[in-house]
């Protein structure tokens, strides 16, 4: 362990950092932090990516909840009102009454 600490001290001296106390406890804590946050399944990069994915999925859930509410309202209006059912059939399926002509204009 002392050889490893001496190598770290020599490396820091070459870089230009001086007067930093280095002992086996600091090295152990540093290794623990590196392993915990930078190596393995729970790295900071992966956690950030997971948080982005969670936010995207939550936004998607909100979108589909709004769509569900709108579709529920449309379904209720179609079930309860014959005029809205007729309007929907005419607009979506181009249905006509027997004595009507239908002209479709494509922009």
N, C-alpha and C. Protein backbone atom coordinates (compact mmCIF):
# COMPACT_ATOMS: atom_id res chain seq x y z
N UNK A 1 0.83 -1.19 0.00
CA UNK A 1 0.00 0.00 0.00
C UNK A 1 0.87 1.26 0.00
N UNK A 2 2.00 1.20 0.71
CA UNK A 2 2.88 2.37 0.77
C UNK A 2 3.48 2.68 -0.60
N UNK A 3 3.79 1.63 -1.38
CA UNK A 3 4.32 1.86 -2.72
C UNK A 3 3.30 2.58 -3.59
N UNK A 4 2.05 2.17 -3.45
CA UNK A 4 0.98 2.80 -4.22
C UNK A 4 0.81 4.26 -3.84
N UNK A 5 0.86 4.55 -2.55
CA UNK A 5 0.72 5.93 -2.07
C UNK A 5 1.90 6.77 -2.54
N UNK A 6 3.10 6.19 -2.51
CA UNK A 6 4.29 6.91 -2.98
C UNK A 6 4.19 7.21 -4.47
N UNK A 7 3.65 6.28 -5.25
CA UNK A 7 3.47 6.53 -6.68
C UNK A 7 2.47 7.66 -6.92
N UNK A 8 1.43 7.71 -6.12
CA UNK A 8 0.45 8.79 -6.24
C UNK A 8 1.10 10.13 -5.90
N UNK A 9 1.90 10.14 -4.83
CA UNK A 9 2.58 11.38 -4.45
C UNK A 9 3.54 11.84 -5.55
N UNK A 10 4.30 10.90 -6.14
CA UNK A 10 5.21 11.24 -7.22
C UNK A 10 4.45 11.79 -8.42
N UNK A 11 3.33 11.18 -8.75
CA UNK A 11 2.51 11.64 -9.86
C UNK A 11 1.99 13.05 -9.60
N UNK A 12 1.54 13.32 -8.38
CA UNK A 12 1.05 14.66 -8.04
C UNK A 12 2.18 15.69 -8.09
N UNK A 13 3.39 15.31 -7.69
CA UNK A 13 4.52 16.24 -7.75
C UNK A 13 4.86 16.58 -9.21
N UNK A 14 4.77 15.57 -10.11
CA UNK A 14 5.04 15.81 -11.52
C UNK A 14 4.02 16.75 -12.13
N UNK A 15 2.78 16.64 -11.69
CA UNK A 15 1.72 17.51 -12.19
C UNK A 15 1.89 18.92 -11.65
N UNK A 16 2.47 19.05 -10.48
CA UNK A 16 2.69 20.37 -9.91
C UNK A 16 1.89 20.61 -8.64
N UNK A 17 1.22 19.59 -8.14
CA UNK A 17 0.43 19.72 -6.92
C UNK A 17 1.34 19.36 -5.75
N UNK A 18 1.39 20.25 -4.78
CA UNK A 18 2.26 20.01 -3.62
C UNK A 18 1.45 20.14 -2.34
N UNK A 19 2.00 19.59 -1.30
CA UNK A 19 1.47 19.72 0.06
C UNK A 19 0.05 19.17 0.21
N UNK A 20 -0.27 18.08 -0.45
CA UNK A 20 -1.55 17.43 -0.23
C UNK A 20 -1.28 16.19 0.61
N UNK A 21 -1.89 16.13 1.77
CA UNK A 21 -1.65 14.95 2.61
C UNK A 21 -2.36 13.73 2.01
N UNK A 22 -1.59 12.70 1.75
CA UNK A 22 -2.15 11.47 1.19
C UNK A 22 -1.78 10.32 2.12
N UNK A 23 -2.81 9.63 2.54
CA UNK A 23 -2.59 8.43 3.34
C UNK A 23 -3.57 7.36 2.89
N UNK A 24 -3.50 6.20 3.51
CA UNK A 24 -4.31 5.07 3.06
C UNK A 24 -5.80 5.33 3.22
N UNK A 25 -6.21 6.18 4.14
CA UNK A 25 -7.64 6.47 4.33
C UNK A 25 -8.19 7.32 3.17
N UNK A 26 -7.42 8.32 2.76
CA UNK A 26 -7.84 9.14 1.62
C UNK A 26 -7.93 8.30 0.34
N UNK A 27 -6.95 7.44 0.14
CA UNK A 27 -6.94 6.59 -1.03
C UNK A 27 -8.14 5.63 -1.01
N UNK A 28 -8.42 5.07 0.16
CA UNK A 28 -9.55 4.16 0.29
C UNK A 28 -10.86 4.87 0.01
N UNK A 29 -11.02 6.06 0.53
CA UNK A 29 -12.24 6.83 0.28
C UNK A 29 -12.35 7.20 -1.19
N UNK A 30 -11.26 7.61 -1.81
CA UNK A 30 -11.26 7.95 -3.22
C UNK A 30 -11.64 6.75 -4.09
N UNK A 31 -11.04 5.60 -3.79
CA UNK A 31 -11.37 4.38 -4.54
C UNK A 31 -12.83 4.02 -4.36
N UNK A 32 -13.33 4.15 -3.14
CA UNK A 32 -14.75 3.86 -2.87
C UNK A 32 -15.66 4.77 -3.68
N UNK A 33 -15.36 6.06 -3.72
CA UNK A 33 -16.18 7.01 -4.47
C UNK A 33 -16.13 6.74 -5.96
N UNK A 34 -14.95 6.42 -6.49
CA UNK A 34 -14.83 6.13 -7.91
C UNK A 34 -15.63 4.89 -8.27
N UNK A 35 -15.51 3.85 -7.46
CA UNK A 35 -16.24 2.61 -7.74
C UNK A 35 -17.74 2.84 -7.61
N UNK A 36 -18.15 3.60 -6.62
CA UNK A 36 -19.57 3.82 -6.37
C UNK A 36 -20.22 4.66 -7.46
N UNK A 37 -19.57 5.72 -7.89
CA UNK A 37 -20.22 6.66 -8.80
C UNK A 37 -19.77 6.58 -10.26
N UNK A 38 -18.68 5.92 -10.55
CA UNK A 38 -18.17 5.94 -11.91
C UNK A 38 -18.03 4.56 -12.55
N UNK A 39 -18.06 3.50 -11.77
CA UNK A 39 -17.90 2.16 -12.30
C UNK A 39 -19.08 1.31 -11.83
N UNK A 40 -19.61 0.51 -12.73
CA UNK A 40 -20.67 -0.40 -12.34
C UNK A 40 -22.00 -0.03 -12.94
N UNK A 41 -23.05 -0.58 -12.36
CA UNK A 41 -24.40 -0.39 -12.90
C UNK A 41 -25.00 0.96 -12.55
N UNK A 42 -24.54 1.60 -11.50
CA UNK A 42 -25.16 2.84 -11.07
C UNK A 42 -24.22 4.03 -11.24
N UNK A 43 -23.74 4.24 -12.44
CA UNK A 43 -22.86 5.37 -12.69
C UNK A 43 -23.70 6.65 -12.79
N UNK A 44 -23.04 7.77 -12.66
CA UNK A 44 -23.75 9.05 -12.75
C UNK A 44 -24.35 9.24 -14.14
N UNK A 45 -23.65 8.80 -15.17
CA UNK A 45 -24.15 8.93 -16.54
C UNK A 45 -25.42 8.11 -16.74
N UNK A 46 -25.42 6.89 -16.23
CA UNK A 46 -26.61 6.04 -16.36
C UNK A 46 -27.77 6.61 -15.55
N UNK A 47 -27.49 7.12 -14.38
CA UNK A 47 -28.56 7.70 -13.56
C UNK A 47 -29.19 8.90 -14.27
N UNK A 48 -28.37 9.72 -14.91
CA UNK A 48 -28.87 10.86 -15.66
C UNK A 48 -29.73 10.39 -16.83
N UNK A 49 -29.25 9.38 -17.53
CA UNK A 49 -30.02 8.83 -18.66
C UNK A 49 -31.34 8.24 -18.17
N UNK A 50 -31.33 7.54 -17.04
CA UNK A 50 -32.56 6.97 -16.49
C UNK A 50 -33.54 8.07 -16.09
N UNK A 51 -33.04 9.15 -15.51
CA UNK A 51 -33.92 10.26 -15.13
C UNK A 51 -34.55 10.90 -16.36
N UNK A 52 -33.78 11.06 -17.45
CA UNK A 52 -34.34 11.59 -18.69
C UNK A 52 -35.43 10.67 -19.23
N UNK A 53 -35.19 9.38 -19.17
CA UNK A 53 -36.18 8.41 -19.66
C UNK A 53 -37.45 8.45 -18.80
N UNK A 54 -37.28 8.57 -17.49
CA UNK A 54 -38.44 8.67 -16.60
C UNK A 54 -39.26 9.90 -16.92
N UNK A 55 -38.60 11.04 -17.12
CA UNK A 55 -39.32 12.27 -17.45
C UNK A 55 -40.05 12.15 -18.78
N UNK A 56 -39.41 11.53 -19.79
CA UNK A 56 -40.04 11.33 -21.08
C UNK A 56 -41.28 10.45 -20.95
N UNK A 57 -41.16 9.39 -20.19
CA UNK A 57 -42.30 8.48 -20.01
C UNK A 57 -43.44 9.14 -19.22
N UNK A 58 -43.10 9.97 -18.23
CA UNK A 58 -44.15 10.68 -17.49
C UNK A 58 -44.89 11.66 -18.40
N UNK A 59 -44.16 12.34 -19.27
CA UNK A 59 -44.82 13.24 -20.23
C UNK A 59 -45.71 12.45 -21.18
N UNK A 60 -45.26 11.29 -21.58
CA UNK A 60 -46.06 10.45 -22.46
C UNK A 60 -47.33 9.97 -21.75
N UNK A 61 -47.22 9.64 -20.49
CA UNK A 61 -48.39 9.23 -19.71
C UNK A 61 -49.40 10.35 -19.63
N UNK A 62 -48.93 11.57 -19.37
CA UNK A 62 -49.84 12.72 -19.32
C UNK A 62 -50.53 12.94 -20.66
N UNK A 63 -49.79 12.79 -21.76
CA UNK A 63 -50.37 12.95 -23.09
C UNK A 63 -51.49 11.94 -23.31
N UNK A 64 -51.22 10.69 -22.98
CA UNK A 64 -52.23 9.66 -23.21
C UNK A 64 -53.43 9.79 -22.27
N UNK A 65 -53.21 10.33 -21.08
CA UNK A 65 -54.35 10.59 -20.19
C UNK A 65 -55.27 11.65 -20.79
N UNK A 66 -54.67 12.71 -21.37
CA UNK A 66 -55.47 13.75 -22.02
C UNK A 66 -56.22 13.18 -23.21
N UNK A 67 -55.52 12.35 -24.01
CA UNK A 67 -56.17 11.72 -25.15
C UNK A 67 -57.34 10.85 -24.71
N UNK A 68 -57.17 10.13 -23.63
CA UNK A 68 -58.23 9.26 -23.11
C UNK A 68 -59.44 10.08 -22.69
N UNK A 69 -59.19 11.20 -22.00
CA UNK A 69 -60.30 12.05 -21.58
C UNK A 69 -61.05 12.61 -22.78
N UNK A 70 -60.32 13.09 -23.79
CA UNK A 70 -60.96 13.63 -24.98
C UNK A 70 -61.77 12.56 -25.71
N UNK A 71 -61.22 11.38 -25.83
CA UNK A 71 -61.92 10.30 -26.52
C UNK A 71 -63.14 9.82 -25.73
N UNK A 72 -63.05 9.85 -24.40
CA UNK A 72 -64.19 9.47 -23.57
C UNK A 72 -65.33 10.47 -23.76
N UNK A 73 -64.99 11.75 -23.83
CA UNK A 73 -66.01 12.77 -24.07
C UNK A 73 -66.64 12.60 -25.45
N UNK A 74 -65.84 12.33 -26.47
CA UNK A 74 -66.37 12.12 -27.81
C UNK A 74 -67.29 10.90 -27.84
N UNK A 75 -66.87 9.83 -27.19
CA UNK A 75 -67.68 8.61 -27.17
C UNK A 75 -69.01 8.85 -26.46
N UNK A 76 -68.97 9.59 -25.37
CA UNK A 76 -70.20 9.89 -24.65
C UNK A 76 -71.14 10.73 -25.52
N UNK A 77 -70.59 11.72 -26.22
CA UNK A 77 -71.44 12.55 -27.07
C UNK A 77 -71.99 11.75 -28.25
N UNK A 78 -71.21 10.82 -28.78
CA UNK A 78 -71.70 9.99 -29.89
C UNK A 78 -72.79 9.02 -29.42
N UNK A 79 -72.67 8.50 -28.22
CA UNK A 79 -73.68 7.58 -27.69
C UNK A 79 -74.96 8.29 -27.30
N UNK A 80 -74.85 9.53 -26.87
CA UNK A 80 -76.02 10.21 -26.33
C UNK A 80 -76.77 11.06 -27.36
N UNK A 81 -76.10 11.49 -28.42
CA UNK A 81 -76.73 12.42 -29.35
C UNK A 81 -76.64 11.88 -30.77
N UNK A 82 -77.79 11.69 -31.41
CA UNK A 82 -77.81 11.17 -32.78
C UNK A 82 -77.26 12.17 -33.79
N UNK A 83 -77.44 13.45 -33.54
CA UNK A 83 -76.92 14.46 -34.47
C UNK A 83 -75.39 14.44 -34.50
N UNK A 84 -74.76 14.30 -33.35
CA UNK A 84 -73.30 14.25 -33.34
C UNK A 84 -72.80 12.95 -33.97
N UNK A 85 -73.56 11.86 -33.82
CA UNK A 85 -73.18 10.61 -34.48
C UNK A 85 -73.26 10.75 -35.99
N UNK A 86 -74.31 11.40 -36.46
CA UNK A 86 -74.47 11.62 -37.90
C UNK A 86 -73.36 12.53 -38.43
N UNK A 87 -73.04 13.58 -37.69
CA UNK A 87 -71.97 14.50 -38.10
C UNK A 87 -70.64 13.77 -38.17
N UNK A 88 -70.36 12.95 -37.18
CA UNK A 88 -69.11 12.20 -37.16
C UNK A 88 -69.03 11.23 -38.35
N UNK A 89 -70.12 10.53 -38.62
CA UNK A 89 -70.14 9.59 -39.74
C UNK A 89 -69.94 10.32 -41.06
N UNK A 90 -70.54 11.48 -41.21
CA UNK A 90 -70.38 12.23 -42.45
C UNK A 90 -68.95 12.73 -42.62
N UNK A 91 -68.34 13.21 -41.54
CA UNK A 91 -66.99 13.76 -41.64
C UNK A 91 -65.92 12.68 -41.80
N UNK A 92 -66.02 11.63 -41.04
CA UNK A 92 -64.96 10.62 -41.03
C UNK A 92 -65.10 9.59 -42.14
N UNK A 93 -66.32 9.17 -42.44
CA UNK A 93 -66.52 8.08 -43.38
C UNK A 93 -67.17 8.52 -44.68
N UNK A 94 -67.37 9.83 -44.85
CA UNK A 94 -67.95 10.41 -46.07
C UNK A 94 -69.30 9.76 -46.42
N UNK A 95 -70.12 9.57 -45.43
CA UNK A 95 -71.43 8.97 -45.65
C UNK A 95 -72.42 10.06 -46.06
N UNK A 96 -73.36 9.68 -46.86
CA UNK A 96 -74.37 10.64 -47.33
C UNK A 96 -75.76 10.01 -47.21
N UNK A 97 -76.74 10.87 -47.30
CA UNK A 97 -78.12 10.40 -47.37
C UNK A 97 -78.39 9.97 -48.81
N UNK A 98 -79.43 9.18 -49.04
CA UNK A 98 -79.66 8.67 -50.40
C UNK A 98 -79.84 9.76 -51.46
N UNK A 99 -80.36 10.92 -51.12
CA UNK A 99 -80.61 11.94 -52.13
C UNK A 99 -79.53 13.03 -52.18
N UNK A 100 -78.36 12.79 -51.54
CA UNK A 100 -77.29 13.80 -51.51
C UNK A 100 -76.13 13.38 -52.40
N UNK A 101 -75.40 14.38 -52.86
CA UNK A 101 -74.18 14.14 -53.62
C UNK A 101 -73.00 14.59 -52.74
N UNK A 102 -71.89 13.91 -52.86
CA UNK A 102 -70.73 14.22 -52.06
C UNK A 102 -69.58 14.64 -52.97
N UNK A 103 -68.99 15.80 -52.66
CA UNK A 103 -67.85 16.30 -53.39
C UNK A 103 -66.69 16.41 -52.42
N UNK A 104 -65.60 15.76 -52.72
CA UNK A 104 -64.40 15.80 -51.87
C UNK A 104 -63.35 16.64 -52.58
N UNK A 105 -62.91 17.69 -51.90
CA UNK A 105 -61.91 18.58 -52.46
C UNK A 105 -60.60 18.32 -51.73
N UNK A 106 -59.61 17.90 -52.48
CA UNK A 106 -58.29 17.61 -51.89
C UNK A 106 -57.40 18.81 -52.15
N UNK A 107 -56.86 19.40 -51.06
CA UNK A 107 -56.01 20.57 -51.23
C UNK A 107 -54.66 20.24 -51.83
